[in-house]
PDB file of all heavy atoms in Angstrom:
ATOM      1  N   PRO A   1     -17.070  -8.621  -9.431  1.00  0.00           N
ATOM      2  CA  PRO A   1     -15.601  -8.270  -9.637  1.00  0.00           C
ATOM      3  C   PRO A   1     -15.113  -7.233  -8.649  1.00  0.00           C
ATOM      4  O   PRO A   1     -13.888  -7.125  -8.461  1.00  0.00           O
ATOM      5  CB  PRO A   1     -15.542  -7.676 -10.978  1.00  0.00           C
ATOM      6  CG  PRO A   1     -16.741  -8.155 -11.649  1.00  0.00           C
ATOM      7  CD  PRO A   1     -17.793  -8.174 -10.657  1.00  0.00           C
ATOM      8  N   LEU A   2     -16.035  -6.620  -8.039  1.00  0.00           N
ATOM      9  CA  LEU A   2     -15.614  -5.537  -6.998  1.00  0.00           C
ATOM     10  C   LEU A   2     -14.876  -6.028  -5.791  1.00  0.00           C
ATOM     11  O   LEU A   2     -14.029  -5.410  -5.177  1.00  0.00           O
ATOM     12  CB  LEU A   2     -16.755  -4.792  -6.634  1.00  0.00           C
ATOM     13  CG  LEU A   2     -17.426  -3.781  -7.704  1.00  0.00           C
ATOM     14  CD1 LEU A   2     -18.519  -2.931  -7.126  1.00  0.00           C
ATOM     15  CD2 LEU A   2     -16.376  -2.973  -8.446  1.00  0.00           C
ATOM     16  N   PHE A   3     -15.226  -7.231  -5.409  1.00  0.00           N
ATOM     17  CA  PHE A   3     -14.723  -7.805  -4.095  1.00  0.00           C
ATOM     18  C   PHE A   3     -13.181  -7.964  -4.282  1.00  0.00           C
ATOM     19  O   PHE A   3     -12.356  -7.550  -3.446  1.00  0.00           O
ATOM     20  CB  PHE A   3     -15.299  -9.130  -3.720  1.00  0.00           C
ATOM     21  CG  PHE A   3     -16.812  -8.990  -3.316  1.00  0.00           C
ATOM     22  CD1 PHE A   3     -17.770  -9.674  -4.024  1.00  0.00           C
ATOM     23  CD2 PHE A   3     -17.149  -8.187  -2.261  1.00  0.00           C
ATOM     24  CE1 PHE A   3     -19.088  -9.510  -3.595  1.00  0.00           C
ATOM     25  CE2 PHE A   3     -18.413  -8.024  -1.852  1.00  0.00           C
ATOM     26  CZ  PHE A   3     -19.449  -8.694  -2.497  1.00  0.00           C
ATOM     27  N   PRO A   4     -12.654  -8.729  -5.331  1.00  0.00           N
ATOM     28  CA  PRO A   4     -11.208  -8.795  -5.470  1.00  0.00           C
ATOM     29  C   PRO A   4     -10.588  -7.370  -5.769  1.00  0.00           C
ATOM     30  O   PRO A   4      -9.358  -7.226  -5.364  1.00  0.00           O
ATOM     31  CB  PRO A   4     -11.093  -9.679  -6.605  1.00  0.00           C
ATOM     32  CG  PRO A   4     -12.267  -9.729  -7.303  1.00  0.00           C
ATOM     33  CD  PRO A   4     -13.369  -9.521  -6.272  1.00  0.00           C
ATOM     34  N   LEU A   5     -11.273  -6.530  -6.360  1.00  0.00           N
ATOM     35  CA  LEU A   5     -10.634  -5.203  -6.649  1.00  0.00           C
ATOM     36  C   LEU A   5     -10.502  -4.483  -5.396  1.00  0.00           C
ATOM     37  O   LEU A   5      -9.383  -3.880  -5.165  1.00  0.00           O
ATOM     38  CB  LEU A   5     -11.616  -4.324  -7.605  1.00  0.00           C
ATOM     39  CG  LEU A   5     -11.172  -3.020  -7.833  1.00  0.00           C
ATOM     40  CD1 LEU A   5      -9.815  -2.974  -8.543  1.00  0.00           C
ATOM     41  CD2 LEU A   5     -12.209  -2.146  -8.677  1.00  0.00           C
ATOM     42  N   ILE A   6     -11.432  -4.472  -4.439  1.00  0.00           N
ATOM     43  CA  ILE A   6     -11.262  -3.894  -3.091  1.00  0.00           C
ATOM     44  C   ILE A   6     -10.183  -4.573  -2.364  1.00  0.00           C
ATOM     45  O   ILE A   6      -9.355  -3.775  -1.708  1.00  0.00           O
ATOM     46  CB  ILE A   6     -12.629  -3.985  -2.344  1.00  0.00           C
ATOM     47  CG1 ILE A   6     -13.742  -3.117  -3.124  1.00  0.00           C
ATOM     48  CG2 ILE A   6     -12.481  -3.590  -0.938  1.00  0.00           C
ATOM     49  CD1 ILE A   6     -15.067  -3.393  -2.530  1.00  0.00           C
ATOM     50  N   ALA A   7     -10.078  -5.803  -2.431  1.00  0.00           N
ATOM     51  CA  ALA A   7      -8.909  -6.604  -1.765  1.00  0.00           C
ATOM     52  C   ALA A   7      -7.523  -5.971  -2.398  1.00  0.00           C
ATOM     53  O   ALA A   7      -6.573  -5.801  -1.609  1.00  0.00           O
ATOM     54  CB  ALA A   7      -9.065  -8.062  -1.918  1.00  0.00           C
ATOM     55  N   PHE A   8      -7.509  -5.870  -3.709  1.00  0.00           N
ATOM     56  CA  PHE A   8      -6.263  -5.423  -4.276  1.00  0.00           C
ATOM     57  C   PHE A   8      -5.938  -4.013  -3.713  1.00  0.00           C
ATOM     58  O   PHE A   8      -4.693  -3.759  -3.390  1.00  0.00           O
ATOM     59  CB  PHE A   8      -6.503  -5.272  -5.813  1.00  0.00           C
ATOM     60  CG  PHE A   8      -5.505  -4.405  -6.554  1.00  0.00           C
ATOM     61  CD1 PHE A   8      -4.256  -4.770  -6.775  1.00  0.00           C
ATOM     62  CD2 PHE A   8      -5.831  -3.225  -7.118  1.00  0.00           C
ATOM     63  CE1 PHE A   8      -3.246  -3.997  -7.402  1.00  0.00           C
ATOM     64  CE2 PHE A   8      -5.030  -2.435  -7.573  1.00  0.00           C
ATOM     65  CZ  PHE A   8      -3.576  -2.774  -7.882  1.00  0.00           C
ATOM     66  N   LEU A   9      -6.923  -3.083  -3.656  1.00  0.00           N
ATOM     67  CA  LEU A   9      -6.660  -1.722  -3.184  1.00  0.00           C
ATOM     68  C   LEU A   9      -6.115  -1.770  -1.710  1.00  0.00           C
ATOM     69  O   LEU A   9      -5.219  -1.011  -1.277  1.00  0.00           O
ATOM     70  CB  LEU A   9      -7.890  -0.872  -3.362  1.00  0.00           C
ATOM     71  CG  LEU A   9      -8.255  -0.597  -4.853  1.00  0.00           C
ATOM     72  CD1 LEU A   9      -9.580   0.041  -4.832  1.00  0.00           C
ATOM     73  CD2 LEU A   9      -7.203   0.082  -5.529  1.00  0.00           C
ATOM     74  N   ILE A  10      -6.802  -2.521  -0.917  1.00  0.00           N
ATOM     75  CA  ILE A  10      -6.559  -2.583   0.486  1.00  0.00           C
ATOM     76  C   ILE A  10      -5.074  -3.141   0.665  1.00  0.00           C
ATOM     77  O   ILE A  10      -4.292  -2.531   1.528  1.00  0.00           O
ATOM     78  CB  ILE A  10      -7.569  -3.554   1.273  1.00  0.00           C
ATOM     79  CG1 ILE A  10      -8.961  -2.847   1.287  1.00  0.00           C
ATOM     80  CG2 ILE A  10      -7.062  -3.767   2.736  1.00  0.00           C
ATOM     81  CD1 ILE A  10     -10.100  -3.642   1.919  1.00  0.00           C
ATOM     82  N   LEU A  11      -4.810  -4.332   0.022  1.00  0.00           N
ATOM     83  CA  LEU A  11      -3.499  -4.904   0.166  1.00  0.00           C
ATOM     84  C   LEU A  11      -2.349  -4.036  -0.342  1.00  0.00           C
ATOM     85  O   LEU A  11      -1.276  -3.983   0.180  1.00  0.00           O
ATOM     86  CB  LEU A  11      -3.586  -6.332  -0.487  1.00  0.00           C
ATOM     87  CG  LEU A  11      -4.397  -7.380   0.117  1.00  0.00           C
ATOM     88  CD1 LEU A  11      -4.651  -8.497  -0.825  1.00  0.00           C
ATOM     89  CD2 LEU A  11      -3.727  -7.861   1.346  1.00  0.00           C
ATOM     90  N   LEU A  12      -2.654  -3.416  -1.495  1.00  0.00           N
ATOM     91  CA  LEU A  12      -1.558  -2.536  -1.989  1.00  0.00           C
ATOM     92  C   LEU A  12      -1.349  -1.425  -1.072  1.00  0.00           C
ATOM     93  O   LEU A  12      -0.179  -0.935  -0.887  1.00  0.00           O
ATOM     94  CB  LEU A  12      -2.062  -2.001  -3.358  1.00  0.00           C
ATOM     95  CG  LEU A  12      -1.010  -1.456  -4.353  1.00  0.00           C
ATOM     96  CD1 LEU A  12       0.062  -2.726  -4.675  1.00  0.00           C
ATOM     97  CD2 LEU A  12      -1.497  -1.021  -5.638  1.00  0.00           C
ATOM     98  N   ALA A  13      -2.414  -0.809  -0.487  1.00  0.00           N
ATOM     99  CA  ALA A  13      -2.225   0.315   0.339  1.00  0.00           C
ATOM    100  C   ALA A  13      -1.509  -0.125   1.735  1.00  0.00           C
ATOM    101  O   ALA A  13      -0.716   0.716   2.206  1.00  0.00           O
ATOM    102  CB  ALA A  13      -3.607   0.988   0.685  1.00  0.00           C
ATOM    103  N   GLY A  14      -1.766  -1.259   2.218  1.00  0.00           N
ATOM    104  CA  GLY A  14      -1.202  -1.787   3.448  1.00  0.00           C
ATOM    105  C   GLY A  14      -0.236  -2.847   3.273  1.00  0.00           C
ATOM    106  O   GLY A  14       0.014  -3.600   4.211  1.00  0.00           O
ATOM    107  N   ARG A  15       0.438  -2.830   2.169  1.00  0.00           N
ATOM    108  CA  ARG A  15       1.481  -3.834   1.879  1.00  0.00           C
ATOM    109  C   ARG A  15       2.633  -3.920   2.977  1.00  0.00           C
ATOM    110  O   ARG A  15       3.127  -5.006   3.137  1.00  0.00           O
ATOM    111  CB  ARG A  15       1.900  -3.756   0.464  1.00  0.00           C
ATOM    112  CG  ARG A  15       2.786  -2.552   0.222  1.00  0.00           C
ATOM    113  CD  ARG A  15       3.208  -2.294  -1.212  1.00  0.00           C
ATOM    114  NE  ARG A  15       3.984  -1.189  -1.523  1.00  0.00           N
ATOM    115  CZ  ARG A  15       3.529   0.083  -1.770  1.00  0.00           C
ATOM    116  NH1 ARG A  15       2.111   0.200  -1.628  1.00  0.00           N
ATOM    117  NH2 ARG A  15       4.204   1.103  -1.942  1.00  0.00           N
ATOM    118  N   ASN A  16       2.868  -2.853   3.559  1.00  0.00           N
ATOM    119  CA  ASN A  16       3.938  -2.897   4.554  1.00  0.00           C
ATOM    120  C   ASN A  16       3.487  -3.054   5.930  1.00  0.00           C
ATOM    121  O   ASN A  16       4.256  -3.301   6.916  1.00  0.00           O
ATOM    122  CB  ASN A  16       4.778  -1.569   4.451  1.00  0.00           C
ATOM    123  CG  ASN A  16       5.496  -1.366   3.079  1.00  0.00           C
ATOM    124  OD1 ASN A  16       6.000  -2.412   2.493  1.00  0.00           O
ATOM    125  ND2 ASN A  16       5.522  -0.168   2.569  1.00  0.00           N
ATOM    126  N   ALA A  17       2.177  -3.018   6.058  1.00  0.00           N
ATOM    127  CA  ALA A  17       1.607  -3.065   7.546  1.00  0.00           C
ATOM    128  C   ALA A  17       1.071  -4.460   7.717  1.00  0.00           C
ATOM    129  O   ALA A  17       0.958  -4.959   8.938  1.00  0.00           O
ATOM    130  CB  ALA A  17       0.499  -2.024   7.626  1.00  0.00           C
ATOM    131  N   PHE A  18       0.530  -5.141   6.735  1.00  0.00           N
ATOM    132  CA  PHE A  18      -0.212  -6.418   6.902  1.00  0.00           C
ATOM    133  C   PHE A  18       0.852  -7.627   7.120  1.00  0.00           C
ATOM    134  O   PHE A  18       1.856  -7.625   6.427  1.00  0.00           O
ATOM    135  CB  PHE A  18      -1.162  -6.767   5.751  1.00  0.00           C
ATOM    136  CG  PHE A  18      -2.274  -5.823   5.603  1.00  0.00           C
ATOM    137  CD1 PHE A  18      -2.734  -5.453   4.363  1.00  0.00           C
ATOM    138  CD2 PHE A  18      -2.950  -5.321   6.701  1.00  0.00           C
ATOM    139  CE1 PHE A  18      -3.850  -4.646   4.139  1.00  0.00           C
ATOM    140  CE2 PHE A  18      -4.053  -4.597   6.556  1.00  0.00           C
ATOM    141  CZ  PHE A  18      -4.512  -4.155   5.384  1.00  0.00           C
ATOM    142  N   SER A  19       0.532  -8.531   8.004  1.00  0.00           N
ATOM    143  CA  SER A  19       1.184  -9.725   8.129  1.00  0.00           C
ATOM    144  C   SER A  19       0.794 -10.602   7.023  1.00  0.00           C
ATOM    145  O   SER A  19      -0.128 -10.412   6.239  1.00  0.00           O
ATOM    146  CB  SER A  19       0.942 -10.334   9.544  1.00  0.00           C
ATOM    147  OG  SER A  19      -0.413 -10.785   9.556  1.00  0.00           O
ATOM    148  N   GLN A  20       1.653 -11.773   6.836  1.00  0.00           N
ATOM    149  CA  GLN A  20       1.297 -12.728   5.816  1.00  0.00           C
ATOM    150  C   GLN A  20      -0.039 -13.357   5.957  1.00  0.00           C
ATOM    151  O   GLN A  20      -0.796 -13.532   4.999  1.00  0.00           O
ATOM    152  CB  GLN A  20       2.376 -13.738   5.788  1.00  0.00           C
ATOM    153  CG  GLN A  20       3.791 -13.292   5.441  1.00  0.00           C
ATOM    154  CD  GLN A  20       4.738 -14.407   5.362  1.00  0.00           C
ATOM    155  OE1 GLN A  20       4.441 -15.501   5.395  1.00  0.00           O
ATOM    156  NE2 GLN A  20       5.990 -13.995   5.171  1.00  0.00           N
ATOM    157  N   ASN A  21      -0.319 -13.645   7.240  1.00  0.00           N
ATOM    158  CA  ASN A  21      -1.766 -14.254   7.512  1.00  0.00           C
ATOM    159  C   ASN A  21      -2.855 -13.273   7.162  1.00  0.00           C
ATOM    160  O   ASN A  21      -3.919 -13.659   6.640  1.00  0.00           O
ATOM    161  CB  ASN A  21      -1.855 -14.727   9.000  1.00  0.00           C
ATOM    162  CG  ASN A  21      -0.977 -15.889   9.199  1.00  0.00           C
ATOM    163  OD1 ASN A  21      -0.615 -16.662   8.304  1.00  0.00           O
ATOM    164  ND2 ASN A  21      -0.613 -16.143  10.390  1.00  0.00           N
ATOM    165  N   THR A  22      -2.611 -12.015   7.571  1.00  0.00           N
ATOM    166  CA  THR A  22      -3.710 -11.006   7.292  1.00  0.00           C
ATOM    167  C   THR A  22      -3.860 -10.806   5.763  1.00  0.00           C
ATOM    168  O   THR A  22      -5.050 -10.785   5.306  1.00  0.00           O
ATOM    169  CB  THR A  22      -3.337  -9.651   7.873  1.00  0.00           C
ATOM    170  OG1 THR A  22      -3.092  -9.801   9.288  1.00  0.00           O
ATOM    171  CG2 THR A  22      -4.381  -8.604   7.649  1.00  0.00           C
ATOM    172  N   ALA A  23      -2.822 -10.756   5.020  1.00  0.00           N
ATOM    173  CA  ALA A  23      -2.880 -10.642   3.563  1.00  0.00           C
ATOM    174  C   ALA A  23      -3.609 -11.817   2.990  1.00  0.00           C
ATOM    175  O   ALA A  23      -4.501 -11.728   2.034  1.00  0.00           O
ATOM    176  CB  ALA A  23      -1.493 -10.430   2.989  1.00  0.00           C
ATOM    177  N   ALA A  24      -3.297 -13.056   3.464  1.00  0.00           N
ATOM    178  CA  ALA A  24      -3.995 -14.179   2.902  1.00  0.00           C
ATOM    179  C   ALA A  24      -5.506 -14.217   3.259  1.00  0.00           C
ATOM    180  O   ALA A  24      -6.347 -14.562   2.490  1.00  0.00           O
ATOM    181  CB  ALA A  24      -3.423 -15.578   3.605  1.00  0.00           C
ATOM    182  N   TRP A  25      -5.775 -13.745   4.406  1.00  0.00           N
ATOM    183  CA  TRP A  25      -7.314 -13.694   4.862  1.00  0.00           C
ATOM    184  C   TRP A  25      -7.954 -12.578   3.971  1.00  0.00           C
ATOM    185  O   TRP A  25      -9.131 -12.945   3.498  1.00  0.00           O
ATOM    186  CB  TRP A  25      -7.404 -13.273   6.284  1.00  0.00           C
ATOM    187  CG  TRP A  25      -7.424 -14.424   7.250  1.00  0.00           C
ATOM    188  CD1 TRP A  25      -6.367 -14.943   8.027  1.00  0.00           C
ATOM    189  CD2 TRP A  25      -8.546 -15.260   7.451  1.00  0.00           C
ATOM    190  NE1 TRP A  25      -6.803 -16.042   8.667  1.00  0.00           N
ATOM    191  CE2 TRP A  25      -8.023 -16.305   8.414  1.00  0.00           C
ATOM    192  CE3 TRP A  25      -9.815 -15.349   7.015  1.00  0.00           C
ATOM    193  CZ2 TRP A  25      -8.908 -17.410   8.815  1.00  0.00           C
ATOM    194  CZ3 TRP A  25     -10.701 -16.275   7.507  1.00  0.00           C
ATOM    195  CH2 TRP A  25     -10.195 -17.294   8.388  1.00  0.00           C
ATOM    196  N   VAL A  26      -7.397 -11.544   3.860  1.00  0.00           N
ATOM    197  CA  VAL A  26      -8.074 -10.460   3.032  1.00  0.00           C
ATOM    198  C   VAL A  26      -8.260 -10.901   1.531  1.00  0.00           C
ATOM    199  O   VAL A  26      -9.434 -10.932   0.992  1.00  0.00           O
ATOM    200  CB  VAL A  26      -7.198  -9.161   2.960  1.00  0.00           C
ATOM    201  CG1 VAL A  26      -7.805  -8.166   1.927  1.00  0.00           C
ATOM    202  CG2 VAL A  26      -7.093  -8.455   4.294  1.00  0.00           C
ATOM    203  N   GLY A  27      -7.272 -11.527   0.948  1.00  0.00           N
ATOM    204  CA  GLY A  27      -7.435 -12.055  -0.487  1.00  0.00           C
ATOM    205  C   GLY A  27      -8.404 -13.162  -0.581  1.00  0.00           C
ATOM    206  O   GLY A  27      -9.219 -13.223  -1.439  1.00  0.00           O
ATOM    207  N   SER A  28      -8.348 -14.105   0.407  1.00  0.00           N
ATOM    208  CA  SER A  28      -9.254 -15.330   0.409  1.00  0.00           C
ATOM    209  C   SER A  28     -10.646 -14.901   0.652  1.00  0.00           C
ATOM    210  O   SER A  28     -11.625 -15.449   0.032  1.00  0.00           O
ATOM    211  CB  SER A  28      -8.728 -16.335   1.403  1.00  0.00           C
ATOM    212  OG  SER A  28      -7.434 -16.741   1.059  1.00  0.00           O
ATOM    213  N   VAL A  29     -10.960 -14.021   1.649  1.00  0.00           N
ATOM    214  CA  VAL A  29     -12.209 -13.678   1.911  1.00  0.00           C
ATOM    215  C   VAL A  29     -12.987 -12.958   0.721  1.00  0.00           C
ATOM    216  O   VAL A  29     -14.104 -13.180   0.322  1.00  0.00           O
ATOM    217  CB  VAL A  29     -12.290 -12.817   3.234  1.00  0.00           C
ATOM    218  CG1 VAL A  29     -13.794 -12.147   3.446  1.00  0.00           C
ATOM    219  CG2 VAL A  29     -11.970 -13.629   4.410  1.00  0.00           C
ATOM    220  N   ALA A  30     -12.186 -12.028   0.033  1.00  0.00           N
ATOM    221  CA  ALA A  30     -12.736 -11.333  -1.085  1.00  0.00           C
ATOM    222  C   ALA A  30     -13.058 -12.403  -2.156  1.00  0.00           C
ATOM    223  O   ALA A  30     -14.087 -12.240  -2.853  1.00  0.00           O
ATOM    224  CB  ALA A  30     -11.663 -10.339  -1.621  1.00  0.00           C
ATOM    225  N   ALA A  31     -12.258 -13.309  -2.391  1.00  0.00           N
ATOM    226  CA  ALA A  31     -12.475 -14.312  -3.481  1.00  0.00           C
ATOM    227  C   ALA A  31     -13.769 -15.188  -3.005  1.00  0.00           C
ATOM    228  O   ALA A  31     -14.522 -15.614  -3.853  1.00  0.00           O
ATOM    229  CB  ALA A  31     -11.290 -15.230  -3.736  1.00  0.00           C
ATOM    230  N   LEU A  32     -13.824 -15.431  -1.745  1.00  0.00           N
ATOM    231  CA  LEU A  32     -15.011 -16.314  -1.228  1.00  0.00           C
ATOM    232  C   LEU A  32     -16.362 -15.517  -1.394  1.00  0.00           C
ATOM    233  O   LEU A  32     -17.295 -16.080  -1.852  1.00  0.00           O
ATOM    234  CB  LEU A  32     -14.830 -16.610   0.229  1.00  0.00           C
ATOM    235  CG  LEU A  32     -15.891 -17.444   0.851  1.00  0.00           C
ATOM    236  CD1 LEU A  32     -16.138 -18.785   0.117  1.00  0.00           C
ATOM    237  CD2 LEU A  32     -15.620 -17.579   2.323  1.00  0.00           C
ATOM    238  N   LEU A  33     -16.266 -14.234  -1.262  1.00  0.00           N
ATOM    239  CA  LEU A  33     -17.543 -13.344  -1.479  1.00  0.00           C
ATOM    240  C   LEU A  33     -17.785 -13.488  -2.949  1.00  0.00           C
ATOM    241  O   LEU A  33     -19.059 -13.459  -3.404  1.00  0.00           O
ATOM    242  CB  LEU A  33     -17.252 -11.916  -0.999  1.00  0.00           C
ATOM    243  CG  LEU A  33     -17.185 -11.753   0.481  1.00  0.00           C
ATOM    244  CD1 LEU A  33     -16.709 -10.277   0.858  1.00  0.00           C
ATOM    245  CD2 LEU A  33     -18.437 -12.046   1.213  1.00  0.00           C
ATOM    246  N   SER A  34     -16.858 -13.359  -3.810  1.00  0.00           N
ATOM    247  CA  SER A  34     -17.103 -13.401  -5.311  1.00  0.00           C
ATOM    248  C   SER A  34     -17.674 -14.746  -5.698  1.00  0.00           C
ATOM    249  O   SER A  34     -18.619 -14.997  -6.445  1.00  0.00           O
ATOM    250  CB  SER A  34     -15.841 -13.186  -6.023  1.00  0.00           C
ATOM    251  OG  SER A  34     -15.470 -11.738  -5.965  1.00  0.00           O
TER     252      SER A  34
END
């Protein structure tokens, strides 16, 4: 469960800095690790 939790924290902290593709990669890679 920690992988998607870390993705949540990263995406929430950088919500104004990440592009759409970056956000999709962060979320998808975390889910893939889980």
